[in-house]
């Protein structure tokens, strides 16, 4: 009895073997997740396109009476706010609105790599 012939394993056959067991519900879930991610990042990109830098107090520099100086220029997409500041007692707190919390990962990435926070020079 001769062994059954098997197809050579190449990238096309490997992909067919991988996806052959996925049913319709799996594909529907993949499409739904993909569309949600595209909508999430697409809406942030649109809001970030119309964002701007705003002067904000970081809390690091203070006047003698305890008021914070406006010492940083912070990027903010339009319609949302998320920032971390230092309070008078030295602890840090976060000031944010609901859209700021929703898009926090995007805001963090945007401020880290695309629109970095700039110190204000009073020269």
Protein backbone atom coordinates (compact mmCIF):
# COMPACT_ATOMS: atom_id res chain seq x y z
CA UNK A 1 0.00 0.00 0.00
CA UNK A 2 1.54 3.27 -1.15
CA UNK A 3 1.47 6.29 1.17
CA UNK A 4 -0.96 9.05 0.21
CA UNK A 5 0.57 11.91 -1.64
CA UNK A 6 0.72 15.12 0.32
CA UNK A 7 0.88 18.60 -1.11
CA UNK A 8 4.17 20.41 -0.69
CA UNK A 9 4.12 22.85 2.19
CA UNK A 10 4.45 26.36 0.83
CA UNK A 11 3.02 29.64 2.03
CA UNK A 12 -0.29 29.24 0.18
CA UNK A 13 -0.94 25.73 1.48
CA UNK A 14 0.11 26.76 5.00
CA UNK A 15 -2.37 29.66 4.93
CA UNK A 16 -5.13 27.34 3.69
CA UNK A 17 -4.40 24.89 6.48
CA UNK A 18 -4.40 27.70 9.05
CA UNK A 19 -7.65 29.33 7.94
CA UNK A 20 -9.54 26.17 6.93
CA UNK A 21 -10.81 25.59 10.46
CA UNK A 22 -12.12 29.09 10.98
CA UNK A 23 -15.86 29.33 10.76
CA UNK A 24 -18.11 32.20 9.74
CA UNK A 25 -18.35 33.57 13.31
CA UNK A 26 -14.56 33.81 13.54
CA UNK A 27 -14.35 35.80 10.34
CA UNK A 28 -17.19 38.07 11.50
CA UNK A 29 -15.34 38.73 14.76
CA UNK A 30 -12.11 39.52 12.88
CA UNK A 31 -13.91 41.96 10.59
CA UNK A 32 -15.73 43.61 13.50
CA UNK A 33 -12.53 44.07 15.51
CA UNK A 34 -10.70 45.35 12.42
CA UNK A 35 -13.41 47.92 11.66
CA UNK A 36 -13.51 49.08 15.30
CA UNK A 37 -9.73 49.55 15.35
CA UNK A 38 -9.79 51.42 12.04
CA UNK A 39 -12.57 53.67 13.39
CA UNK A 40 -10.72 54.26 16.68
CA UNK A 41 -7.38 55.21 15.12
CA UNK A 42 -9.04 57.04 12.23
CA UNK A 43 -11.13 59.22 14.51
CA UNK A 44 -8.10 60.03 16.67
CA UNK A 45 -6.11 60.93 13.55
CA UNK A 46 -8.85 63.31 12.42
CA UNK A 47 -9.04 64.95 15.88
CA UNK A 48 -5.26 65.18 16.12
CA UNK A 49 -5.07 66.81 12.69
CA UNK A 50 -6.83 69.88 14.11
CA UNK A 51 -5.06 69.86 17.47
CA UNK A 52 -2.67 72.51 18.73
CA UNK A 53 -0.05 73.26 21.34
CA UNK A 54 -1.31 74.98 24.50
CA UNK A 55 0.63 76.63 27.29
CA UNK A 56 0.12 74.60 30.47
CA UNK A 57 1.59 74.64 33.97
CA UNK A 58 3.43 71.40 34.70
CA UNK A 59 3.69 72.16 38.41
CA UNK A 60 7.47 71.77 38.38
CA UNK A 61 8.12 75.55 38.51
CA UNK A 62 6.21 77.62 41.04
CA UNK A 63 6.03 81.19 42.24
CA UNK A 64 6.80 81.93 45.90
CA UNK A 65 3.08 81.89 46.78
CA UNK A 66 2.66 78.34 45.38
CA UNK A 67 0.98 79.08 42.05
CA UNK A 68 2.35 77.05 39.15
CA UNK A 69 4.00 78.80 36.22
CA UNK A 70 2.98 78.16 32.62
CA UNK A 71 6.20 76.40 31.71
CA UNK A 72 5.34 73.81 29.03
CA UNK A 73 3.72 73.79 25.64
CA UNK A 74 1.56 70.65 25.53
CA UNK A 75 0.02 69.07 22.42
CA UNK A 76 -3.72 68.49 22.65
CA UNK A 77 -5.97 67.10 19.92
CA UNK A 78 -9.12 69.13 19.42
CA UNK A 79 -11.90 68.34 21.87
CA UNK A 80 -9.91 66.34 24.39
CA UNK A 81 -7.68 66.87 27.39
CA UNK A 82 -5.29 64.55 29.22
CA UNK A 83 -2.39 65.85 31.27
CA UNK A 84 -0.31 64.93 34.28
CA UNK A 85 0.70 67.68 36.70
CA UNK A 86 2.58 68.08 39.93
CA UNK A 87 0.57 69.48 42.85
CA UNK A 88 1.79 71.79 45.60
CA UNK A 89 2.52 68.89 47.97
CA UNK A 90 4.75 67.18 45.35
CA UNK A 91 2.39 64.39 44.31
CA UNK A 92 1.27 63.99 40.72
CA UNK A 93 -2.33 63.99 39.57
CA UNK A 94 -4.08 63.54 36.24
CA UNK A 95 -6.55 65.97 34.78
CA UNK A 96 -8.57 64.49 31.91
CA UNK A 97 -11.97 64.49 30.29
CA UNK A 98 -13.83 61.36 29.05
CA UNK A 99 -12.48 61.60 25.51
CA UNK A 100 -8.99 62.06 26.94
CA UNK A 101 -9.33 58.79 28.86
CA UNK A 102 -10.81 57.03 25.81
CA UNK A 103 -7.93 58.08 23.56
CA UNK A 104 -5.19 57.99 26.23
CA UNK A 105 -2.99 55.40 24.41
CA UNK A 106 -3.13 57.47 21.22
CA UNK A 107 -2.43 60.73 23.08
CA UNK A 108 0.55 59.17 24.85
CA UNK A 109 2.00 57.86 21.56
CA UNK A 110 1.32 61.16 19.81
CA UNK A 111 3.06 63.22 22.51
CA UNK A 112 5.96 60.80 22.77
CA UNK A 113 6.83 60.40 19.09
CA UNK A 114 4.96 62.93 16.90
CA UNK A 115 4.17 66.08 18.93
CA UNK A 116 6.54 66.14 21.92
CA UNK A 117 5.86 68.43 24.86
CA UNK A 118 8.05 71.49 24.55
CA UNK A 119 9.50 73.46 27.45
CA UNK A 120 8.70 77.16 27.39
CA UNK A 121 11.78 79.35 27.07
CA UNK A 122 11.35 82.84 28.42
CA UNK A 123 14.49 84.21 26.81
